[in-house]
Protein backbone atom coordinates (compact mmCIF):
# COMPACT_ATOMS: atom_id res chain seq x y z
CA MET A 1 -28.79 -0.78 -5.81
CA PRO A 2 -26.91 -4.05 -5.06
CA GLU A 3 -28.71 -5.72 -7.99
CA ILE A 4 -27.40 -3.15 -10.48
CA ILE A 5 -23.88 -3.55 -9.10
CA ASP A 6 -24.13 -7.32 -9.60
CA ILE A 7 -25.25 -6.76 -13.20
CA VAL A 8 -22.44 -4.30 -13.93
CA HIS A 9 -19.89 -6.62 -12.31
CA GLU A 10 -21.07 -9.54 -14.44
CA GLU A 11 -20.93 -7.41 -17.61
CA TYR A 12 -17.40 -6.30 -16.71
CA GLN A 13 -16.30 -9.90 -16.17
CA ASN A 14 -17.78 -10.90 -19.54
CA ILE A 15 -15.98 -8.07 -21.35
CA VAL A 16 -12.64 -8.88 -19.71
CA ASP A 17 -13.10 -12.55 -20.58
CA LYS A 18 -13.63 -11.56 -24.22
CA TYR A 19 -10.44 -9.46 -24.21
CA ILE A 20 -8.51 -12.39 -22.73
CA LYS A 21 -9.89 -14.72 -25.41
CA LEU A 22 -8.97 -12.30 -28.22
CA PHE A 23 -5.51 -11.77 -26.73
CA CYS A 24 -4.89 -15.52 -26.43
CA GLU A 25 -5.98 -16.10 -30.03
CA LYS A 26 -3.82 -13.24 -31.31
CA HIS A 27 -0.67 -14.30 -29.42
CA ASP A 28 -1.24 -18.05 -29.43
CA LEU A 29 -1.29 -18.15 -25.62
CA VAL A 30 -3.29 -20.13 -23.12
CA PHE A 31 -4.85 -18.32 -20.16
CA ASP A 32 -3.90 -19.94 -16.88
CA SER A 33 -5.30 -17.93 -13.96
CA TRP A 34 -5.74 -14.57 -12.29
CA VAL A 35 -3.07 -13.45 -9.86
CA GLY A 36 -4.28 -14.74 -6.53
CA ASP A 37 -7.03 -16.60 -8.40
CA ASN A 38 -9.25 -13.59 -7.74
CA GLU A 39 -11.48 -13.59 -10.81
CA SER A 40 -13.63 -10.82 -9.39
CA SER A 41 -10.80 -8.28 -9.57
CA HIS A 42 -9.64 -9.08 -13.13
CA ILE A 43 -6.49 -7.03 -12.75
CA THR A 44 -3.56 -9.28 -13.63
CA ALA A 45 -3.71 -12.38 -15.84
CA CYS A 46 -1.28 -15.29 -15.96
CA PHE A 47 -0.64 -17.36 -19.06
CA THR A 48 0.96 -20.80 -19.34
CA ASN A 49 4.24 -19.40 -20.75
CA ASP A 50 4.99 -17.66 -17.42
CA ILE A 51 3.68 -14.42 -18.89
CA ILE A 52 1.91 -12.15 -16.41
CA LEU A 53 0.12 -9.07 -17.76
CA ASN A 54 -2.13 -6.35 -16.50
CA VAL A 55 -5.60 -6.33 -18.10
CA ASP A 56 -5.11 -2.70 -19.15
CA ASP A 57 -2.05 -3.72 -21.20
CA ILE A 58 -3.99 -6.61 -22.76
CA ARG A 59 -6.82 -4.23 -23.68
CA LEU A 60 -4.36 -1.72 -25.13
CA ASP A 61 -2.78 -4.46 -27.25
CA ILE A 62 -6.17 -5.41 -28.68
CA ASP A 63 -7.68 -1.92 -29.01
CA MET A 64 -4.62 -0.41 -30.73
CA ASN A 65 -3.99 -3.52 -32.84
CA ILE A 66 -0.37 -3.64 -31.69
CA PRO A 67 1.64 -6.02 -33.90
CA VAL A 68 2.26 -9.51 -32.56
CA GLY A 69 5.58 -9.68 -30.75
CA VAL A 70 5.61 -6.15 -29.37
CA ILE A 71 4.09 -7.01 -25.99
CA GLU A 72 6.44 -9.97 -25.67
CA GLU A 73 9.40 -7.68 -26.43
CA TRP A 74 8.11 -5.18 -23.87
CA THR A 75 7.89 -7.84 -21.14
CA ASN A 76 11.65 -8.37 -21.57
CA VAL A 77 12.49 -4.66 -21.10
CA SER A 78 9.49 -3.39 -19.14
CA SER A 79 11.25 -0.48 -17.47
CA ILE A 80 8.58 1.78 -19.02
CA ASN A 81 4.83 1.34 -19.36
CA PHE A 82 3.45 -0.52 -22.36
CA LEU A 83 1.81 2.50 -24.02
CA THR A 84 5.07 4.48 -23.93
CA PHE A 85 6.96 1.45 -25.25
CA CYS A 86 4.51 1.16 -28.17
CA ARG A 87 4.88 4.84 -29.02
CA ILE A 88 8.68 4.80 -29.10
CA SER A 89 8.84 1.44 -30.89
CA LYS A 90 7.11 2.72 -34.03
C-alpha cells in the first residue's frame, strides 16, 4: 500500500505543478515558494509579487477560464471566497 500512496502523491504533485505553470503563464507571474516551503502539502503558493493564493483558487481560475485581472481584483477585496466573487462579478 505505501508504494501506491507514493505514486498517487507524485502524480498529485505533478498535476499541481502544471496548474502553477499555467497560472504563471496566464498572469505573467513567477512562482516563488510554498507557504512554509512544504512542497508535499501544495496548499498555498507564493509568487514574487507578494501574491499568496490557495491552490484551489488557482485551479478554479484555470478550469473556469476566469479573465485575467479578476483574481488580482479579488485579492484586494477578498472578504468572500473566489468562486462567489467570480459569480457576482459577471
